[in-house]
Structure formats: C-alpha cells, structure tokens
Amino acid sequence: MRLTTRGHYGIRAILELAANETGPLSLKEIARRQNISLAYLEQLFNRLKRDGLVEARRGPGGGYVLGRRPSGITVGEVYRSLEGEIVFARCRESDGAEDCAGAGDCVSRLLWEGLGRRVREYLDSLTLADLLAAARERREPIASPGRS
C-alpha cells in the first residue's frame, strides 16, 4: 500500500472542511490553503461527492461541506473513496479469483493479509473528529501543507 497524492491531498482537503465551522468552503479556497492544484482538487472532490463524504452547496457563499459530521466519517472511508481498497498483496482479483498461480500455497500472503486487515481496522477506527482533536490538543495547524 502506498498513499498517493490522491489520498494524501484528499485527506488534507477534507480536514479543511472538517475544521471549518463558518459554512461552505470553495475549492479555490481549499486549494489556496493547502497548496493543491484546483484542477486536481476538483477530481478528488468528484470522488468524495460521489461517495457522500462531501456535499456541494450552490449560490452566493456556496462551496463544499462535509456530507456527515466529522465524527461520522472515518479516514478509511476517505482513503477508499480516493484510492480504492486497502490491500498489501494482490493475490486475488476483486472478484475473488486468484491472480497468482502460487496464491493458494503462499505463506507470506498470510503476513500481507494480516497487515492489510490491521491497517484497515486502524483507518476505520479513526474519524476526522479524532484527527482534529489530536491536532488541537497538540496545537498543530489543521492539515497544513507539509505537516500532514
């Protein structure tokens, strides 16, 4: 598993929404705050919107808001929305068919499947509210560039 810019930037951007208590934020503002390309951010937010993690508000003062409260959105959900399923070994295709001729006899697969399960459990146990609380407790900026 490797966290690409999709996951990295997406988590930073959605944390901006989670920390914002003044209403919708424009993608232009999020892009400026996080130093992320606006065009790239639009692609990310299309995925997040599709999965109900963010909502678009039209009109003057419009922009994006979270689709649910920060305590109701896990980092795992955000990651899967942007990156897909969290896997460490590609022993099986998404339909369950074996992708590797040795998958059935591969002892190391147990290691990678176990690691993947633990990572998924951790990401699914961590909410946006948890990250915000930890940042505030440590008096760190919320999702600032180069700090997440």
C-alpha atoms as a PDB file:
ATOM      1  CA  MET A   1       0.000   0.000   0.000  1.00  0.00           C
ATOM      2  CA  ARG A   2       1.273   3.392  -0.863  1.00  0.00           C
ATOM      3  CA  LEU A   3      -0.528   6.606  -0.095  1.00  0.00           C
ATOM      4  CA  THR A   4      -0.509   8.542  -3.350  1.00  0.00           C
ATOM      5  CA  THR A   5      -1.139  12.250  -3.697  1.00  0.00           C
ATOM      6  CA  ARG A   6      -4.814  11.395  -4.210  1.00  0.00           C
ATOM      7  CA  GLY A   7      -5.117  10.046  -0.683  1.00  0.00           C
ATOM      8  CA  HIS A   8      -2.669  12.458   0.897  1.00  0.00           C
ATOM      9  CA  TYR A   9      -4.169  15.613  -0.618  1.00  0.00           C
ATOM     10  CA  GLY A  10      -7.718  14.346  -0.242  1.00  0.00           C
ATOM     11  CA  ILE A  11      -7.311  13.791   3.483  1.00  0.00           C
ATOM     12  CA  ARG A  12      -5.752  17.237   3.907  1.00  0.00           C
ATOM     13  CA  ALA A  13      -8.575  18.836   1.919  1.00  0.00           C
ATOM     14  CA  ILE A  14     -11.394  17.072   3.742  1.00  0.00           C
ATOM     15  CA  LEU A  15      -9.788  18.012   7.066  1.00  0.00           C
ATOM     16  CA  GLU A  16     -10.037  21.650   5.959  1.00  0.00           C
ATOM     17  CA  LEU A  17     -13.798  21.134   5.625  1.00  0.00           C
ATOM     18  CA  ALA A  18     -13.978  19.322   8.954  1.00  0.00           C
ATOM     19  CA  ALA A  19     -12.140  22.133  10.748  1.00  0.00           C
ATOM     20  CA  ASN A  20     -14.166  24.884   9.092  1.00  0.00           C
ATOM     21  CA  GLU A  21     -17.118  25.999  11.189  1.00  0.00           C
ATOM     22  CA  THR A  22     -18.144  29.044   9.160  1.00  0.00           C
ATOM     23  CA  GLY A  23     -20.053  27.386   6.333  1.00  0.00           C
ATOM     24  CA  PRO A  24     -19.177  26.066   2.892  1.00  0.00           C
ATOM     25  CA  LEU A  25     -15.636  26.385   1.565  1.00  0.00           C
ATOM     26  CA  SER A  26     -14.861  26.874  -2.091  1.00  0.00           C
ATOM     27  CA  LEU A  27     -12.433  24.533  -3.765  1.00  0.00           C
ATOM     28  CA  LYS A  28     -10.424  27.611  -4.713  1.00  0.00           C
ATOM     29  CA  GLU A  29     -10.005  28.461  -1.021  1.00  0.00           C
ATOM     30  CA  ILE A  30      -9.092  24.886  -0.069  1.00  0.00           C
ATOM     31  CA  ALA A  31      -6.598  24.765  -2.961  1.00  0.00           C
ATOM     32  CA  ARG A  32      -5.016  28.011  -1.762  1.00  0.00           C
ATOM     33  CA  ARG A  33      -4.822  26.926   1.879  1.00  0.00           C
ATOM     34  CA  GLN A  34      -3.379  23.509   1.046  1.00  0.00           C
ATOM     35  CA  ASN A  35      -1.286  24.498  -1.971  1.00  0.00           C
ATOM     36  CA  ILE A  36      -3.043  21.914  -4.150  1.00  0.00           C
ATOM     37  CA  SER A  37      -3.887  22.394  -7.810  1.00  0.00           C
ATOM     38  CA  LEU A  38      -7.524  23.447  -8.229  1.00  0.00           C
ATOM     39  CA  ALA A  39      -7.989  21.077 -11.183  1.00  0.00           C
ATOM     40  CA  TYR A  40      -6.643  18.157  -9.141  1.00  0.00           C
ATOM     41  CA  LEU A  41      -8.801  19.079  -6.166  1.00  0.00           C
ATOM     42  CA  GLU A  42     -11.879  19.085  -8.426  1.00  0.00           C
ATOM     43  CA  GLN A  43     -11.109  15.482  -9.400  1.00  0.00           C
ATOM     44  CA  LEU A  44     -10.736  14.473  -5.763  1.00  0.00           C
ATOM     45  CA  PHE A  45     -13.951  16.164  -4.711  1.00  0.00           C
ATOM     46  CA  ASN A  46     -15.872  14.464  -7.523  1.00  0.00           C
ATOM     47  CA  ARG A  47     -14.945  11.127  -5.914  1.00  0.00           C
ATOM     48  CA  LEU A  48     -15.701  12.325  -2.383  1.00  0.00           C
ATOM     49  CA  LYS A  49     -19.038  13.750  -3.527  1.00  0.00           C
ATOM     50  CA  ARG A  50     -19.939  10.530  -5.369  1.00  0.00           C
ATOM     51  CA  ASP A  51     -19.447   8.606  -2.114  1.00  0.00           C
ATOM     52  CA  GLY A  52     -21.432  11.079   0.006  1.00  0.00           C
ATOM     53  CA  LEU A  53     -18.465  12.296   2.034  1.00  0.00           C
ATOM     54  CA  VAL A  54     -18.887  15.904   0.861  1.00  0.00           C
ATOM     55  CA  GLU A  55     -21.810  17.918  -0.487  1.00  0.00           C
ATOM     56  CA  ALA A  56     -21.788  20.874  -2.858  1.00  0.00           C
ATOM     57  CA  ARG A  57     -23.783  23.995  -1.960  1.00  0.00           C
ATOM     58  CA  ARG A  58     -24.713  26.334  -4.798  1.00  0.00           C
ATOM     59  CA  GLY A  59     -25.229  30.061  -4.847  1.00  0.00           C
ATOM     60  CA  PRO A  60     -23.543  33.019  -3.198  1.00  0.00           C
ATOM     61  CA  GLY A  61     -21.357  31.816  -0.364  1.00  0.00           C
ATOM     62  CA  GLY A  62     -21.576  28.300  -1.758  1.00  0.00           C
ATOM     63  CA  GLY A  63     -18.887  25.678  -1.781  1.00  0.00           C
ATOM     64  CA  TYR A  64     -18.412  22.317  -0.127  1.00  0.00           C
ATOM     65  CA  VAL A  65     -19.375  20.965   3.274  1.00  0.00           C
ATOM     66  CA  LEU A  66     -18.960  17.540   4.829  1.00  0.00           C
ATOM     67  CA  GLY A  67     -21.641  15.019   3.971  1.00  0.00           C
ATOM     68  CA  ARG A  68     -21.781  13.945   7.629  1.00  0.00           C
ATOM     69  CA  ARG A  69     -20.422  15.164  10.930  1.00  0.00           C
ATOM     70  CA  PRO A  70     -16.629  14.761  11.345  1.00  0.00           C
ATOM     71  CA  SER A  71     -17.258  12.074  13.969  1.00  0.00           C
ATOM     72  CA  GLY A  72     -19.194  10.075  11.377  1.00  0.00           C
ATOM     73  CA  ILE A  73     -16.521   9.963   8.670  1.00  0.00           C
ATOM     74  CA  THR A  74     -13.557   7.641   9.045  1.00  0.00           C
ATOM     75  CA  VAL A  75     -10.160   8.062   7.459  1.00  0.00           C
ATOM     76  CA  GLY A  76     -10.690   4.602   5.959  1.00  0.00           C
ATOM     77  CA  GLU A  77     -13.790   5.803   4.110  1.00  0.00           C
ATOM     78  CA  VAL A  78     -11.926   8.791   2.709  1.00  0.00           C
ATOM     79  CA  TYR A  79      -8.982   6.654   1.686  1.00  0.00           C
ATOM     80  CA  ARG A  80     -11.156   4.052  -0.077  1.00  0.00           C
ATOM     81  CA  SER A  81     -13.140   6.768  -1.844  1.00  0.00           C
ATOM     82  CA  LEU A  82      -9.960   8.241  -3.282  1.00  0.00           C
ATOM     83  CA  GLU A  83      -7.608   5.276  -3.625  1.00  0.00           C
ATOM     84  CA  GLY A  84      -9.745   2.160  -3.678  1.00  0.00           C
ATOM     85  CA  GLU A  85      -9.496  -0.880  -1.437  1.00  0.00           C
ATOM     86  CA  ILE A  86      -6.596  -1.119   1.007  1.00  0.00           C
ATOM     87  CA  VAL A  87      -4.510  -4.160   0.093  1.00  0.00           C
ATOM     88  CA  PHE A  88      -0.877  -5.119   0.596  1.00  0.00           C
ATOM     89  CA  ALA A  89      -0.796  -8.192  -1.620  1.00  0.00           C
ATOM     90  CA  ARG A  90      -2.549  -8.566  -4.914  1.00  0.00           C
ATOM     91  CA  CYS A  91      -3.047 -12.316  -4.534  1.00  0.00           C
ATOM     92  CA  ARG A  92      -6.672 -12.148  -5.546  1.00  0.00           C
ATOM     93  CA  GLU A  93      -8.610 -10.138  -8.060  1.00  0.00           C
ATOM     94  CA  SER A  94     -11.591  -8.127  -6.811  1.00  0.00           C
ATOM     95  CA  ASP A  95     -13.930 -10.942  -7.937  1.00  0.00           C
ATOM     96  CA  GLY A  96     -12.123 -13.425  -5.661  1.00  0.00           C
ATOM     97  CA  ALA A  97     -10.307 -15.277  -8.450  1.00  0.00           C
ATOM     98  CA  GLU A  98      -6.673 -16.000  -7.740  1.00  0.00           C
ATOM     99  CA  ASP A  99      -4.342 -13.609  -9.560  1.00  0.00           C
ATOM    100  CA  CYS A 100      -1.165 -15.507  -8.743  1.00  0.00           C
ATOM    101  CA  ALA A 101      -0.518 -19.152  -9.565  1.00  0.00           C
ATOM    102  CA  GLY A 102       1.083 -19.685  -6.129  1.00  0.00           C
ATOM    103  CA  ALA A 103      -1.519 -17.778  -4.096  1.00  0.00           C
ATOM    104  CA  GLY A 104      -3.009 -20.897  -2.538  1.00  0.00           C
ATOM    105  CA  ASP A 105       0.340 -22.117  -1.160  1.00  0.00           C
ATOM    106  CA  CYS A 106       1.925 -18.768  -0.312  1.00  0.00           C
ATOM    107  CA  VAL A 107       2.746 -18.467   3.379  1.00  0.00           C
ATOM    108  CA  SER A 108       3.800 -14.824   3.081  1.00  0.00           C
ATOM    109  CA  ARG A 109       0.298 -13.979   1.896  1.00  0.00           C
ATOM    110  CA  LEU A 110      -0.839 -14.518   5.495  1.00  0.00           C
ATOM    111  CA  LEU A 111       1.511 -11.745   6.592  1.00  0.00           C
ATOM    112  CA  TRP A 112       0.256  -9.263   3.983  1.00  0.00           C
ATOM    113  CA  GLU A 113      -3.405 -10.092   4.509  1.00  0.00           C
ATOM    114  CA  GLY A 114      -2.976  -9.661   8.274  1.00  0.00           C
ATOM    115  CA  LEU A 115      -1.173  -6.370   7.843  1.00  0.00           C
ATOM    116  CA  GLY A 116      -3.860  -5.134   5.464  1.00  0.00           C
ATOM    117  CA  ARG A 117      -6.573  -6.111   7.941  1.00  0.00           C
ATOM    118  CA  ARG A 118      -4.819  -4.211  10.770  1.00  0.00           C
ATOM    119  CA  VAL A 119      -4.327  -1.097   8.639  1.00  0.00           C
ATOM    120  CA  ARG A 120      -7.999  -1.174   7.556  1.00  0.00           C
ATOM    121  CA  GLU A 121      -9.108  -1.596  11.180  1.00  0.00           C
ATOM    122  CA  TYR A 122      -6.952   1.343  12.275  1.00  0.00           C
ATOM    123  CA  LEU A 123      -8.079   3.668   9.478  1.00  0.00           C
ATOM    124  CA  ASP A 124     -11.702   2.673  10.039  1.00  0.00           C
ATOM    125  CA  SER A 125     -11.385   3.403  13.773  1.00  0.00           C
ATOM    126  CA  LEU A 126     -10.017   6.906  13.212  1.00  0.00           C
ATOM    127  CA  THR A 127     -12.520   9.656  12.411  1.00  0.00           C
ATOM    128  CA  LEU A 128     -11.970  13.151  11.099  1.00  0.00           C
ATOM    129  CA  ALA A 129     -13.061  14.396  14.527  1.00  0.00           C
ATOM    130  CA  ASP A 130     -10.298  12.295  16.130  1.00  0.00           C
ATOM    131  CA  LEU A 131      -7.668  13.876  13.865  1.00  0.00           C
ATOM    132  CA  LEU A 132      -8.968  17.381  14.568  1.00  0.00           C
ATOM    133  CA  ALA A 133      -8.968  16.772  18.316  1.00  0.00           C
ATOM    134  CA  ALA A 134      -5.405  15.431  18.227  1.00  0.00           C
ATOM    135  CA  ALA A 135      -4.198  18.407  16.177  1.00  0.00           C
ATOM    136  CA  ARG A 136      -5.885  20.875  18.523  1.00  0.00           C
ATOM    137  CA  GLU A 137      -4.507  19.107  21.594  1.00  0.00           C
ATOM    138  CA  ARG A 138      -1.009  19.337  20.137  1.00  0.00           C
ATOM    139  CA  ARG A 139      -1.703  22.912  18.960  1.00  0.00           C
ATOM    140  CA  GLU A 140      -0.795  21.984  15.411  1.00  0.00           C
ATOM    141  CA  PRO A 141      -2.284  23.599  12.332  1.00  0.00           C
ATOM    142  CA  ILE A 142      -5.131  21.658  10.784  1.00  0.00           C
ATOM    143  CA  ALA A 143      -3.921  19.826   7.677  1.00  0.00           C
ATOM    144  CA  SER A 144      -1.454  22.480   6.666  1.00  0.00           C
ATOM    145  CA  PRO A 145       0.813  21.734   3.679  1.00  0.00           C
ATOM    146  CA  GLY A 146       3.856  19.700   4.552  1.00  0.00           C
ATOM    147  CA  ARG A 147       2.536  18.867   8.022  1.00  0.00           C
ATOM    148  CA  SER A 148       0.084  16.030   7.352  1.00  0.00           C
END
